Amino acid sequence: MFRGITNLNLDAKGRLAMPTRHREAFAQDENQLILTIDTQEHCLLIYPLATWLEIEKQIDALPSFNKTANRIKRMLIGHATQVEFDSAGRIVIPPALRAHAKLEKPAVLVGQGKKLELWSQPLWSQMTEEFLDQSDEDDQLPTALETLSL
């Protein structure tokens, strides 16, 4: 389970040092992971390889005559890039993925259960402020959350 928020920096070569607490989850997959884009936000999604392979099967099984399904396939599978850690525990974020997420030096790694999100720090701060300013009155609460108590 990935949880928590970590502020990080990308180096000039687009490398990101993965926090030690997260590296352990990738060790089961021989330190292999998948980076892909988020289809709704300017951030990247980071999955352990085994988790991604399960998700990829589900995405690939979507109907080919549905425009939305095809868009999701093209974006998620098309941008999916397999990377591995170097000897210093870093991963290289490919330029096309850095451009999608508008990543420069300051970045934020956000735990989301079975995956991590990688945000540019300015976009993360902006999105967080917008989220906190939003009213929940217009949003439908998912049924599964109606009985959740925090």
Protein backbone atom coordinates (compact mmCIF):
# COMPACT_ATOMS: atom_id res chain seq x y z
CA MET A 1 0.00 0.00 0.00
CA PHE A 2 1.40 3.36 -1.02
CA ARG A 3 0.44 6.22 1.25
CA GLY A 4 1.72 9.62 2.26
CA ILE A 5 3.14 12.63 0.47
CA THR A 6 6.84 13.13 -0.20
CA ASN A 7 8.47 16.25 -1.62
CA LEU A 8 11.29 15.38 -4.02
CA ASN A 9 13.53 16.93 -6.65
CA LEU A 10 14.26 15.73 -10.16
CA ASP A 11 17.87 16.18 -11.22
CA ALA A 12 18.99 17.75 -14.51
CA LYS A 13 18.80 14.34 -16.24
CA GLY A 14 15.19 13.77 -15.18
CA ARG A 15 16.08 11.25 -12.48
CA LEU A 16 14.02 10.85 -9.35
CA ALA A 17 15.29 9.23 -6.16
CA MET A 18 12.50 6.96 -4.95
CA PRO A 19 12.06 7.07 -1.15
CA THR A 20 13.33 3.89 0.52
CA ARG A 21 9.93 3.16 2.07
CA HIS A 22 8.44 2.83 -1.42
CA ARG A 23 11.31 0.90 -3.02
CA GLU A 24 10.45 -2.21 -1.00
CA ALA A 25 7.12 -2.55 -2.82
CA PHE A 26 8.93 -2.65 -6.17
CA ALA A 27 11.52 -5.22 -5.02
CA GLN A 28 9.01 -8.05 -5.61
CA ASP A 29 9.06 -7.14 -9.33
CA GLU A 30 12.88 -7.06 -9.53
CA ASN A 31 12.75 -3.26 -9.14
CA GLN A 32 10.68 -2.88 -12.31
CA LEU A 33 7.84 -0.42 -12.47
CA ILE A 34 5.55 1.22 -14.98
CA LEU A 35 5.14 4.95 -15.51
CA THR A 36 2.16 6.24 -17.45
CA ILE A 37 0.08 9.38 -17.67
CA ASP A 38 -3.09 10.16 -15.78
CA THR A 39 -5.89 10.70 -18.31
CA GLN A 40 -7.63 13.37 -16.20
CA GLU A 41 -4.79 15.32 -14.56
CA HIS A 42 -1.30 16.50 -15.47
CA CYS A 43 0.46 13.94 -13.31
CA LEU A 44 2.10 10.55 -13.78
CA LEU A 45 1.01 7.21 -12.37
CA ILE A 46 3.61 4.79 -11.03
CA TYR A 47 2.72 1.12 -10.65
CA PRO A 48 4.66 -1.96 -9.55
CA LEU A 49 5.02 -4.10 -12.69
CA ALA A 50 2.76 -6.94 -11.46
CA THR A 51 -0.03 -4.51 -10.53
CA TRP A 52 0.21 -2.78 -13.90
CA LEU A 53 0.04 -6.07 -15.82
CA GLU A 54 -3.33 -6.83 -14.19
CA ILE A 55 -4.64 -3.34 -14.99
CA GLU A 56 -3.29 -3.47 -18.55
CA LYS A 57 -5.26 -6.68 -19.22
CA GLN A 58 -8.45 -4.96 -18.09
CA ILE A 59 -7.76 -1.88 -20.22
CA ASP A 60 -6.90 -3.99 -23.26
CA ALA A 61 -10.18 -5.90 -22.86
CA LEU A 62 -12.24 -2.71 -23.25
CA PRO A 63 -14.43 -2.64 -26.39
CA SER A 64 -12.55 -1.45 -29.47
CA PHE A 65 -15.62 0.25 -31.00
CA ASN A 66 -16.08 2.59 -28.05
CA LYS A 67 -14.37 5.98 -28.57
CA THR A 68 -13.84 6.62 -24.86
CA ALA A 69 -12.38 3.16 -24.32
CA ASN A 70 -10.01 3.64 -27.27
CA ARG A 71 -8.88 7.01 -25.93
CA ILE A 72 -8.13 5.49 -22.54
CA LYS A 73 -6.23 2.60 -24.17
CA ARG A 74 -4.17 4.97 -26.30
CA MET A 75 -3.32 7.24 -23.43
CA LEU A 76 -2.64 4.72 -20.65
CA ILE A 77 -1.09 1.84 -22.59
CA GLY A 78 0.47 4.08 -25.23
CA HIS A 79 2.37 6.11 -22.65
CA ALA A 80 3.17 3.16 -20.36
CA THR A 81 6.94 2.94 -19.95
CA GLN A 82 8.76 0.21 -18.07
CA VAL A 83 11.67 1.52 -15.99
CA GLU A 84 13.90 0.13 -13.29
CA PHE A 85 15.93 1.55 -10.44
CA ASP A 86 19.60 2.34 -10.91
CA SER A 87 22.14 1.41 -8.24
CA ALA A 88 21.32 4.62 -6.32
CA GLY A 89 17.55 3.89 -6.19
CA ARG A 90 16.69 6.43 -8.89
CA ILE A 91 14.40 6.15 -11.90
CA VAL A 92 14.64 8.16 -15.10
CA ILE A 93 11.41 9.91 -16.08
CA PRO A 94 11.31 9.98 -19.92
CA PRO A 95 11.06 13.48 -21.47
CA ALA A 96 7.57 12.92 -22.97
CA LEU A 97 6.19 11.91 -19.58
CA ARG A 98 7.94 14.82 -17.85
CA ALA A 99 6.34 17.16 -20.40
CA HIS A 100 2.84 15.74 -19.78
CA ALA A 101 3.18 16.23 -16.03
CA LYS A 102 4.96 19.59 -16.44
CA LEU A 103 7.73 18.23 -14.22
CA GLU A 104 10.73 20.37 -13.55
CA LYS A 105 12.85 20.22 -10.42
CA PRO A 106 10.44 20.25 -7.44
CA ALA A 107 8.05 17.29 -7.45
CA VAL A 108 5.58 15.61 -5.13
CA LEU A 109 5.05 11.86 -4.80
CA VAL A 110 1.54 11.01 -3.55
CA GLY A 111 0.60 7.54 -2.29
CA GLN A 112 -2.71 6.29 -3.69
CA GLY A 113 -2.99 2.72 -2.43
CA LYS A 114 -1.83 0.43 -5.24
CA LYS A 115 -0.08 3.22 -7.12
CA LEU A 116 1.86 6.45 -6.68
CA GLU A 117 1.12 9.75 -8.38
CA LEU A 118 3.97 12.03 -9.39
CA TRP A 119 3.11 15.73 -9.61
CA SER A 120 5.04 18.88 -10.30
CA GLN A 121 5.11 20.72 -6.98
CA PRO A 122 3.43 23.88 -8.35
CA LEU A 123 0.59 21.88 -9.96
CA TRP A 124 0.12 19.82 -6.79
CA SER A 125 -0.14 22.98 -4.67
CA GLN A 126 -2.59 24.57 -7.11
CA MET A 127 -4.75 21.44 -7.32
CA THR A 128 -4.76 21.05 -3.53
CA GLU A 129 -5.91 24.67 -3.04
CA GLU A 130 -8.64 24.27 -5.67
CA PHE A 131 -9.80 21.01 -4.09
CA LEU A 132 -10.02 22.58 -0.62
CA ASP A 133 -11.94 25.57 -2.01
CA GLN A 134 -14.53 23.41 -3.79
CA SER A 135 -17.99 22.87 -2.45
CA ASP A 136 -19.16 19.27 -2.22
CA GLU A 137 -22.80 20.25 -2.67
CA ASP A 138 -22.84 19.56 -6.42
CA ASP A 139 -20.92 16.27 -6.25
CA GLN A 140 -22.58 12.91 -5.83
CA LEU A 141 -20.96 10.96 -3.03
CA PRO A 142 -20.19 7.39 -4.18
CA THR A 143 -22.42 4.88 -2.40
CA ALA A 144 -19.37 3.11 -0.93
CA LEU A 145 -18.43 6.32 0.92
CA GLU A 146 -21.84 7.07 2.40
CA THR A 147 -21.19 4.87 5.44
CA LEU A 148 -17.48 5.58 5.82
CA SER A 149 -16.46 7.19 9.08
CA LEU A 150 -13.02 8.82 9.43
